[in-house]
């Protein structure tokens, strides 16, 4: 199968917003692409590679929290699950012998749960930052240990950690 057929399979036969997000991010890197060859080399091939990398990094739980935000924060549970399943089905059809691409299954449910947990944690961190800003600007006193603990999780490099750090215990 050729590249255009693969793009059709992943983008149209199994339509999903994750493919569209990857396509748009890649296309922004090459806004002045004029020739078919340049489009092929600078957008099409990298998009398929990135879609594969997204799936493999989720299966292996090596995707950074930064990438989780970039690709998945706009989706709710069922929408995210549906998009991952469609992307997975399309990529498997394109690359049936690639052992890194797993069939949709329980790993998708587990990943969706982790992403939703990270979304909650992220919103708690945002709220904690606001509370500490209020504390400082209004010179509030009292016990802010819990808020300080949450904000400490925002240390530099936090979003470079992988999704594997997300658990219900966190």
N, C-alpha and C. Protein backbone atom coordinates (compact mmCIF):
# COMPACT_ATOMS: atom_id res chain seq x y z
N UNK A 1 0.84 -1.19 0.00
CA UNK A 1 0.00 0.00 0.00
C UNK A 1 0.88 1.24 0.00
N UNK A 2 0.42 2.26 -0.65
CA UNK A 2 1.22 3.47 -0.74
C UNK A 2 0.79 4.50 0.32
N UNK A 3 1.55 5.56 0.39
CA UNK A 3 1.36 6.57 1.41
C UNK A 3 -0.04 7.20 1.35
N UNK A 4 -0.51 7.53 0.16
CA UNK A 4 -1.83 8.16 0.05
C UNK A 4 -2.93 7.22 0.54
N UNK A 5 -2.78 5.94 0.26
CA UNK A 5 -3.76 4.97 0.76
C UNK A 5 -3.73 4.92 2.28
N UNK A 6 -2.54 4.96 2.86
CA UNK A 6 -2.42 4.95 4.32
C UNK A 6 -3.06 6.20 4.92
N UNK A 7 -2.82 7.35 4.30
CA UNK A 7 -3.43 8.57 4.80
C UNK A 7 -4.95 8.50 4.72
N UNK A 8 -5.45 7.92 3.64
CA UNK A 8 -6.90 7.75 3.49
C UNK A 8 -7.44 6.82 4.59
N UNK A 9 -6.77 5.72 4.82
CA UNK A 9 -7.23 4.75 5.82
C UNK A 9 -7.28 5.39 7.21
N UNK A 10 -6.18 6.03 7.60
CA UNK A 10 -6.10 6.58 8.95
C UNK A 10 -6.97 7.84 9.10
N UNK A 11 -7.03 8.65 8.05
CA UNK A 11 -7.75 9.92 8.15
C UNK A 11 -9.21 9.88 7.77
N UNK A 12 -9.60 8.98 6.87
CA UNK A 12 -10.99 8.98 6.37
C UNK A 12 -11.75 7.69 6.67
N UNK A 13 -11.12 6.56 6.45
CA UNK A 13 -11.82 5.29 6.70
C UNK A 13 -12.09 5.11 8.19
N UNK A 14 -11.11 5.49 9.01
CA UNK A 14 -11.26 5.46 10.46
C UNK A 14 -11.08 6.89 10.97
N UNK A 15 -12.02 7.78 10.66
CA UNK A 15 -11.82 9.19 11.01
C UNK A 15 -11.66 9.38 12.52
N UNK A 16 -10.65 10.16 12.88
CA UNK A 16 -10.41 10.43 14.29
C UNK A 16 -9.75 11.78 14.44
N UNK A 17 -10.02 12.42 15.52
CA UNK A 17 -9.50 13.76 15.78
C UNK A 17 -8.02 13.76 16.13
N UNK A 18 -7.50 12.65 16.59
CA UNK A 18 -6.07 12.59 16.93
C UNK A 18 -5.24 12.71 15.66
N UNK A 19 -5.63 11.99 14.61
CA UNK A 19 -4.94 12.11 13.33
C UNK A 19 -5.00 13.55 12.85
N UNK A 20 -6.16 14.16 12.96
CA UNK A 20 -6.32 15.55 12.52
C UNK A 20 -5.42 16.50 13.31
N UNK A 21 -5.32 16.28 14.62
CA UNK A 21 -4.44 17.10 15.46
C UNK A 21 -2.99 16.94 15.03
N UNK A 22 -2.55 15.70 14.83
CA UNK A 22 -1.17 15.44 14.40
C UNK A 22 -0.93 16.10 13.04
N UNK A 23 -1.88 15.94 12.12
CA UNK A 23 -1.76 16.54 10.79
C UNK A 23 -1.58 18.06 10.90
N UNK A 24 -2.45 18.71 11.68
CA UNK A 24 -2.39 20.16 11.81
C UNK A 24 -1.09 20.63 12.46
N UNK A 25 -0.63 19.91 13.49
CA UNK A 25 0.63 20.28 14.13
C UNK A 25 1.80 20.15 13.15
N UNK A 26 1.82 19.07 12.38
CA UNK A 26 2.89 18.86 11.41
C UNK A 26 2.82 19.88 10.28
N UNK A 27 1.62 20.16 9.81
CA UNK A 27 1.46 21.10 8.70
C UNK A 27 1.90 22.50 9.10
N UNK A 28 1.69 22.88 10.37
CA UNK A 28 2.13 24.19 10.86
C UNK A 28 3.65 24.32 10.81
N UNK A 29 4.34 23.19 10.92
CA UNK A 29 5.80 23.23 10.84
C UNK A 29 6.29 23.51 9.42
N UNK A 30 5.44 23.26 8.43
CA UNK A 30 5.81 23.41 7.02
C UNK A 30 4.77 24.23 6.28
N UNK A 31 4.54 25.48 6.66
CA UNK A 31 3.45 26.24 6.05
C UNK A 31 3.68 26.61 4.58
N UNK A 32 4.91 26.55 4.14
CA UNK A 32 5.22 26.97 2.77
C UNK A 32 5.45 25.80 1.83
N UNK A 33 4.89 24.66 2.14
CA UNK A 33 5.04 23.48 1.29
C UNK A 33 4.29 23.73 0.00
N UNK A 34 5.00 23.61 -1.14
CA UNK A 34 4.36 23.90 -2.42
C UNK A 34 4.30 22.70 -3.34
N UNK A 35 5.27 21.86 -3.30
CA UNK A 35 5.30 20.74 -4.23
C UNK A 35 4.74 19.48 -3.57
N UNK A 36 4.28 18.57 -4.41
CA UNK A 36 3.78 17.30 -3.90
C UNK A 36 4.88 16.55 -3.17
N UNK A 37 6.08 16.58 -3.73
CA UNK A 37 7.21 15.89 -3.12
C UNK A 37 7.52 16.45 -1.74
N UNK A 38 7.49 17.78 -1.63
CA UNK A 38 7.77 18.41 -0.34
C UNK A 38 6.66 18.09 0.66
N UNK A 39 5.41 18.10 0.23
CA UNK A 39 4.29 17.75 1.08
C UNK A 39 4.43 16.30 1.57
N UNK A 40 4.79 15.43 0.66
CA UNK A 40 4.99 14.01 0.96
C UNK A 40 6.07 13.83 2.02
N UNK A 41 7.20 14.50 1.79
CA UNK A 41 8.36 14.34 2.67
C UNK A 41 8.21 15.08 4.00
N UNK A 42 7.63 16.28 3.96
CA UNK A 42 7.59 17.13 5.15
C UNK A 42 6.34 16.98 6.00
N UNK A 43 5.27 16.43 5.43
CA UNK A 43 4.03 16.33 6.19
C UNK A 43 3.52 14.90 6.26
N UNK A 44 3.28 14.28 5.11
CA UNK A 44 2.60 12.98 5.08
C UNK A 44 3.35 11.89 5.84
N UNK A 45 4.61 11.71 5.52
CA UNK A 45 5.40 10.67 6.20
C UNK A 45 5.54 10.97 7.70
N UNK A 46 5.89 12.22 8.08
CA UNK A 46 5.97 12.50 9.52
C UNK A 46 4.64 12.31 10.26
N UNK A 47 3.52 12.59 9.60
CA UNK A 47 2.22 12.42 10.27
C UNK A 47 1.98 10.95 10.59
N UNK A 48 2.21 10.07 9.64
CA UNK A 48 2.02 8.64 9.92
C UNK A 48 2.99 8.15 10.99
N UNK A 49 4.23 8.62 10.93
CA UNK A 49 5.20 8.23 11.96
C UNK A 49 4.78 8.73 13.34
N UNK A 50 4.27 9.97 13.39
CA UNK A 50 3.85 10.55 14.67
C UNK A 50 2.63 9.81 15.21
N UNK A 51 1.69 9.45 14.34
CA UNK A 51 0.52 8.69 14.80
C UNK A 51 0.95 7.36 15.41
N UNK A 52 1.91 6.72 14.77
CA UNK A 52 2.43 5.45 15.32
C UNK A 52 3.11 5.71 16.66
N UNK A 53 3.94 6.75 16.71
CA UNK A 53 4.64 7.07 17.96
C UNK A 53 3.66 7.37 19.09
N UNK A 54 2.57 8.08 18.77
CA UNK A 54 1.56 8.39 19.78
C UNK A 54 1.00 7.09 20.37
N UNK A 55 0.61 6.18 19.51
CA UNK A 55 0.04 4.91 19.99
C UNK A 55 1.06 4.08 20.77
N UNK A 56 2.26 3.96 20.24
CA UNK A 56 3.28 3.15 20.90
C UNK A 56 3.64 3.76 22.26
N UNK A 57 3.77 5.08 22.33
CA UNK A 57 4.13 5.70 23.61
C UNK A 57 3.00 5.57 24.63
N UNK A 58 1.76 5.48 24.17
CA UNK A 58 0.66 5.24 25.10
C UNK A 58 0.68 3.80 25.60
N UNK A 59 0.87 2.86 24.69
CA UNK A 59 0.93 1.45 25.07
C UNK A 59 2.06 1.22 26.08
N UNK A 60 3.22 1.79 25.79
CA UNK A 60 4.39 1.61 26.66
C UNK A 60 4.37 2.56 27.86
N UNK A 61 3.41 3.50 27.87
CA UNK A 61 3.27 4.51 28.93
C UNK A 61 4.51 5.37 29.05
N UNK A 62 5.08 5.72 27.90
CA UNK A 62 6.27 6.57 27.87
C UNK A 62 5.96 7.98 27.34
N UNK A 63 4.70 8.25 27.02
CA UNK A 63 4.34 9.59 26.53
C UNK A 63 4.50 10.59 27.66
N UNK A 64 5.05 11.76 27.36
CA UNK A 64 5.21 12.78 28.38
C UNK A 64 3.86 13.42 28.70
N UNK A 65 3.76 13.97 29.88
CA UNK A 65 2.54 14.66 30.28
C UNK A 65 2.31 15.88 29.38
N UNK A 66 3.38 16.47 28.93
CA UNK A 66 3.29 17.59 27.99
C UNK A 66 2.58 17.16 26.69
N UNK A 67 2.94 15.99 26.18
CA UNK A 67 2.30 15.47 24.97
C UNK A 67 0.87 15.03 25.25
N UNK A 68 0.61 14.52 26.44
CA UNK A 68 -0.77 14.17 26.81
C UNK A 68 -1.65 15.42 26.69
N UNK A 69 -1.15 16.53 27.20
CA UNK A 69 -1.91 17.78 27.11
C UNK A 69 -2.10 18.20 25.66
N UNK A 70 -1.04 18.12 24.88
CA UNK A 70 -1.09 18.56 23.48
C UNK A 70 -2.11 17.76 22.67
N UNK A 71 -2.13 16.47 22.85
CA UNK A 71 -2.97 15.62 22.01
C UNK A 71 -4.36 15.33 22.58
N UNK A 72 -4.52 15.28 23.89
CA UNK A 72 -5.72 14.67 24.45
C UNK A 72 -6.55 15.51 25.41
N UNK A 73 -6.07 16.66 25.87
CA UNK A 73 -6.80 17.38 26.91
C UNK A 73 -8.16 17.89 26.46
N UNK A 74 -8.38 18.02 25.18
CA UNK A 74 -9.66 18.57 24.72
C UNK A 74 -10.77 17.51 24.64
N UNK A 75 -10.45 16.25 24.87
CA UNK A 75 -11.43 15.18 24.72
C UNK A 75 -11.95 14.68 26.06
N UNK A 76 -13.21 14.30 26.07
CA UNK A 76 -13.80 13.65 27.24
C UNK A 76 -13.61 12.14 27.09
N UNK A 77 -13.93 11.40 28.12
CA UNK A 77 -13.65 9.96 28.18
C UNK A 77 -14.05 9.18 26.93
N UNK A 78 -15.35 9.17 26.61
CA UNK A 78 -15.82 8.33 25.51
C UNK A 78 -15.29 8.81 24.18
N UNK A 79 -15.22 10.11 23.99
CA UNK A 79 -14.68 10.66 22.74
C UNK A 79 -13.21 10.29 22.58
N UNK A 80 -12.46 10.36 23.67
CA UNK A 80 -11.06 9.99 23.63
C UNK A 80 -10.91 8.50 23.32
N UNK A 81 -11.70 7.68 23.97
CA UNK A 81 -11.65 6.24 23.74
C UNK A 81 -11.98 5.92 22.27
N UNK A 82 -13.03 6.54 21.73
CA UNK A 82 -13.41 6.31 20.34
C UNK A 82 -12.31 6.73 19.37
N UNK A 83 -11.71 7.89 19.63
CA UNK A 83 -10.65 8.37 18.75
C UNK A 83 -9.42 7.47 18.80
N UNK A 84 -9.06 7.01 19.98
CA UNK A 84 -7.92 6.10 20.10
C UNK A 84 -8.20 4.77 19.40
N UNK A 85 -9.40 4.26 19.55
CA UNK A 85 -9.75 3.00 18.89
C UNK A 85 -9.68 3.13 17.36
N UNK A 86 -10.22 4.22 16.84
CA UNK A 86 -10.20 4.43 15.38
C UNK A 86 -8.78 4.62 14.87
N UNK A 87 -7.97 5.40 15.59
CA UNK A 87 -6.58 5.60 15.17
C UNK A 87 -5.85 4.26 15.18
N UNK A 88 -6.07 3.49 16.22
CA UNK A 88 -5.43 2.18 16.35
C UNK A 88 -5.85 1.25 15.20
N UNK A 89 -7.14 1.19 14.91
CA UNK A 89 -7.63 0.35 13.82
C UNK A 89 -7.03 0.77 12.48
N UNK A 90 -7.00 2.08 12.22
CA UNK A 90 -6.44 2.57 10.97
C UNK A 90 -4.96 2.27 10.83
N UNK A 91 -4.22 2.49 11.89
CA UNK A 91 -2.77 2.24 11.84
C UNK A 91 -2.49 0.75 11.71
N UNK A 92 -3.29 -0.09 12.35
CA UNK A 92 -3.10 -1.54 12.21
C UNK A 92 -3.39 -2.00 10.78
N UNK A 93 -4.40 -1.41 10.16
CA UNK A 93 -4.69 -1.78 8.78
C UNK A 93 -3.56 -1.35 7.85
N UNK A 94 -2.97 -0.21 8.12
CA UNK A 94 -1.86 0.27 7.29
C UNK A 94 -0.59 -0.54 7.52
N UNK A 95 -0.35 -0.91 8.75
CA UNK A 95 0.90 -1.58 9.12
C UNK A 95 0.60 -2.87 9.89
N UNK A 96 0.01 -3.86 9.22
CA UNK A 96 -0.46 -5.06 9.93
C UNK A 96 0.66 -5.91 10.54
N UNK A 97 1.88 -5.75 10.09
CA UNK A 97 2.97 -6.58 10.62
C UNK A 97 3.78 -5.88 11.71
N UNK A 98 3.39 -4.68 12.05
CA UNK A 98 4.11 -3.93 13.09
C UNK A 98 3.64 -4.42 14.45
N UNK A 99 4.52 -5.11 15.15
CA UNK A 99 4.17 -5.73 16.43
C UNK A 99 3.98 -4.70 17.56
N UNK A 100 4.47 -3.46 17.36
CA UNK A 100 4.30 -2.44 18.39
C UNK A 100 2.89 -1.88 18.43
N UNK A 101 2.15 -2.04 17.34
CA UNK A 101 0.79 -1.52 17.28
C UNK A 101 -0.18 -2.58 17.77
N UNK A 102 -0.67 -2.41 18.98
CA UNK A 102 -1.58 -3.37 19.58
C UNK A 102 -3.01 -3.14 19.12
N UNK A 103 -3.80 -4.19 19.17
CA UNK A 103 -5.23 -4.07 18.88
C UNK A 103 -5.88 -3.21 19.96
N UNK A 104 -6.96 -2.52 19.59
CA UNK A 104 -7.69 -1.80 20.64
C UNK A 104 -8.12 -2.80 21.71
N UNK A 105 -8.03 -2.42 22.92
CA UNK A 105 -8.41 -3.33 24.01
C UNK A 105 -8.34 -2.62 25.34
N UNK A 106 -8.06 -3.39 26.37
CA UNK A 106 -8.06 -2.84 27.73
C UNK A 106 -6.99 -1.77 27.92
N UNK A 107 -5.93 -1.80 27.13
CA UNK A 107 -4.90 -0.78 27.27
C UNK A 107 -5.49 0.61 26.98
N UNK A 108 -6.45 0.69 26.07
CA UNK A 108 -7.06 1.99 25.78
C UNK A 108 -7.86 2.47 26.98
N UNK A 109 -8.62 1.58 27.59
CA UNK A 109 -9.38 1.95 28.79
C UNK A 109 -8.43 2.46 29.87
N UNK A 110 -7.33 1.75 30.10
CA UNK A 110 -6.36 2.15 31.12
C UNK A 110 -5.73 3.50 30.82
N UNK A 111 -5.41 3.74 29.56
CA UNK A 111 -4.81 5.01 29.16
C UNK A 111 -5.81 6.15 29.34
N UNK A 112 -7.05 5.93 28.96
CA UNK A 112 -8.09 6.95 29.11
C UNK A 112 -8.25 7.31 30.59
N UNK A 113 -8.24 6.32 31.45
CA UNK A 113 -8.34 6.56 32.90
C UNK A 113 -7.15 7.40 33.37
N UNK A 114 -5.94 7.05 32.93
CA UNK A 114 -4.76 7.82 33.33
C UNK A 114 -4.84 9.26 32.83
N UNK A 115 -5.29 9.44 31.61
CA UNK A 115 -5.39 10.81 31.06
C UNK A 115 -6.43 11.61 31.84
N UNK A 116 -7.54 11.00 32.17
CA UNK A 116 -8.56 11.70 32.95
C UNK A 116 -8.05 12.03 34.35
N UNK A 117 -7.29 11.12 34.95
CA UNK A 117 -6.69 11.40 36.26
C UNK A 117 -5.71 12.57 36.16
N UNK A 118 -4.91 12.59 35.11
CA UNK A 118 -3.97 13.70 34.93
C UNK A 118 -4.71 15.02 34.72
N UNK A 119 -5.81 14.99 33.99
CA UNK A 119 -6.60 16.21 33.81
C UNK A 119 -7.09 16.74 35.15
N UNK A 120 -7.52 15.84 36.04
CA UNK A 120 -7.95 16.26 37.38
C UNK A 120 -6.78 16.87 38.15
N UNK A 121 -5.65 16.16 38.13
CA UNK A 121 -4.47 16.64 38.85
C UNK A 121 -4.06 18.01 38.33
N UNK A 122 -4.09 18.17 37.02
CA UNK A 122 -3.72 19.45 36.40
C UNK A 122 -4.65 20.57 36.86
N UNK A 123 -5.94 20.29 36.94
CA UNK A 123 -6.88 21.33 37.39
C UNK A 123 -6.66 21.66 38.87
N UNK A 124 -6.31 20.64 39.69
CA UNK A 124 -5.99 20.90 41.09
C UNK A 124 -4.74 21.78 41.21
N UNK A 125 -3.77 21.51 40.36
CA UNK A 125 -2.54 22.30 40.39
C UNK A 125 -2.82 23.76 40.00
N UNK A 126 -3.64 23.94 38.99
CA UNK A 126 -4.01 25.30 38.58
C UNK A 126 -4.72 26.03 39.71
N UNK A 127 -5.65 25.34 40.36
CA UNK A 127 -6.39 25.95 41.48
C UNK A 127 -5.44 26.27 42.64
N UNK A 128 -4.50 25.38 42.91
CA UNK A 128 -3.55 25.61 44.01
C UNK A 128 -2.68 26.83 43.72
N UNK A 129 -2.27 27.01 42.48
CA UNK A 129 -1.47 28.20 42.12
C UNK A 129 -2.27 29.47 42.38
N UNK A 130 -3.54 29.46 42.04
CA UNK A 130 -4.39 30.63 42.27
C UNK A 130 -4.52 30.91 43.76
N UNK A 131 -4.72 29.87 44.56
CA UNK A 131 -4.84 30.03 46.01
C UNK A 131 -3.56 30.64 46.58
N UNK A 132 -2.40 30.15 46.14
CA UNK A 132 -1.14 30.70 46.66
C UNK A 132 -0.94 32.15 46.21
N UNK A 133 -1.36 32.46 45.01
CA UNK A 133 -1.27 33.86 44.55
C UNK A 133 -2.16 34.77 45.40
N UNK A 134 -3.36 34.28 45.72
CA UNK A 134 -4.25 35.04 46.61
C UNK A 134 -3.64 35.20 47.99
N UNK A 135 -3.05 34.10 48.49
CA UNK A 135 -2.41 34.11 49.81
C UNK A 135 -1.35 35.21 49.87
N UNK A 136 -0.52 35.27 48.83
CA UNK A 136 0.56 36.25 48.83
C UNK A 136 0.05 37.66 48.59
N UNK A 137 -0.86 37.83 47.65
CA UNK A 137 -1.32 39.19 47.34
C UNK A 137 -2.19 39.77 48.45
N UNK A 138 -2.92 38.91 49.16
CA UNK A 138 -3.79 39.40 50.23
C UNK A 138 -3.15 39.22 51.61
N UNK A 139 -1.92 38.70 51.60
CA UNK A 139 -1.16 38.47 52.83
C UNK A 139 -1.95 37.64 53.84
N UNK A 140 -2.53 36.55 53.33
CA UNK A 140 -3.31 35.65 54.18
C UNK A 140 -2.39 34.81 55.04
N UNK A 141 -2.86 34.45 56.20
CA UNK A 141 -2.10 33.56 57.08
C UNK A 141 -2.95 32.33 57.35
N UNK A 142 -2.32 31.32 57.81
CA UNK A 142 -3.05 30.09 58.10
C UNK A 142 -2.30 28.89 57.56
N UNK A 143 -2.98 27.77 57.56
CA UNK A 143 -2.39 26.50 57.15
C UNK A 143 -2.60 26.30 55.65
N UNK A 144 -1.51 26.36 54.90
CA UNK A 144 -1.56 26.18 53.44
C UNK A 144 -0.66 25.03 53.00
N UNK A 145 -0.39 24.09 53.91
CA UNK A 145 0.52 22.98 53.62
C UNK A 145 0.05 22.14 52.44
N UNK A 146 -1.24 21.82 52.42
CA UNK A 146 -1.77 20.99 51.32
C UNK A 146 -1.61 21.71 49.99
N UNK A 147 -1.90 22.99 49.97
CA UNK A 147 -1.77 23.77 48.73
C UNK A 147 -0.30 23.84 48.32
N UNK A 148 0.59 24.08 49.29
CA UNK A 148 2.02 24.12 48.99
C UNK A 148 2.49 22.78 48.41
N UNK A 149 2.00 21.68 48.97
CA UNK A 149 2.38 20.34 48.49
C UNK A 149 1.95 20.15 47.04
N UNK A 150 0.73 20.57 46.71
CA UNK A 150 0.25 20.44 45.33
C UNK A 150 1.11 21.26 44.38
N UNK A 151 1.41 22.49 44.77
CA UNK A 151 2.20 23.37 43.90
C UNK A 151 3.63 22.85 43.74
N UNK A 152 4.17 22.19 44.75
CA UNK A 152 5.52 21.62 44.64
C UNK A 152 5.60 20.59 43.52
N UNK A 153 4.47 19.97 43.19
CA UNK A 153 4.46 19.01 42.08
C UNK A 153 4.73 19.70 40.74
N UNK A 154 4.61 21.02 40.71
CA UNK A 154 4.82 21.79 39.48
C UNK A 154 6.29 22.10 39.24
N UNK A 155 7.14 21.44 39.96
CA UNK A 155 8.58 21.71 39.81
C UNK A 155 8.98 21.67 38.33
N UNK A 156 10.05 22.36 37.98
CA UNK A 156 10.50 22.34 36.58
C UNK A 156 10.69 20.90 36.10
N UNK A 157 10.20 20.64 34.93
CA UNK A 157 10.35 19.31 34.36
C UNK A 157 9.20 18.37 34.67
N UNK A 158 8.21 18.83 35.45
CA UNK A 158 7.09 17.95 35.80
C UNK A 158 6.41 17.39 34.57
N UNK A 159 6.17 18.24 33.59
CA UNK A 159 5.45 17.80 32.39
C UNK A 159 6.32 16.97 31.46
N UNK A 160 7.60 16.86 31.77
CA UNK A 160 8.49 15.99 30.99
C UNK A 160 8.42 14.55 31.49
N UNK A 161 7.77 14.35 32.64
CA UNK A 161 7.58 12.99 33.15
C UNK A 161 6.60 12.26 32.26
N UNK A 162 6.62 10.95 32.35
CA UNK A 162 5.74 10.16 31.48
C UNK A 162 4.40 9.89 32.16
N UNK A 163 3.45 9.49 31.36
CA UNK A 163 2.11 9.19 31.85
C UNK A 163 2.13 8.06 32.87
N UNK A 164 3.20 7.31 32.91
CA UNK A 164 3.29 6.21 33.88
C UNK A 164 3.30 6.69 35.33
N UNK A 165 3.60 7.98 35.57
CA UNK A 165 3.60 8.51 36.93
C UNK A 165 2.19 8.76 37.46
N UNK A 166 1.22 8.75 36.58
CA UNK A 166 -0.16 9.05 36.98
C UNK A 166 -0.81 7.79 37.53
N UNK A 167 -1.29 7.94 38.74
CA UNK A 167 -2.03 6.85 39.37
C UNK A 167 -3.07 7.46 40.29
N UNK A 168 -4.01 6.67 40.70
CA UNK A 168 -5.06 7.18 41.61
C UNK A 168 -4.46 7.61 42.94
N UNK A 169 -3.32 7.01 43.32
CA UNK A 169 -2.70 7.38 44.60
C UNK A 169 -2.12 8.77 44.56
N UNK A 170 -1.71 9.23 43.38
CA UNK A 170 -1.13 10.57 43.25
C UNK A 170 -2.21 11.57 43.55
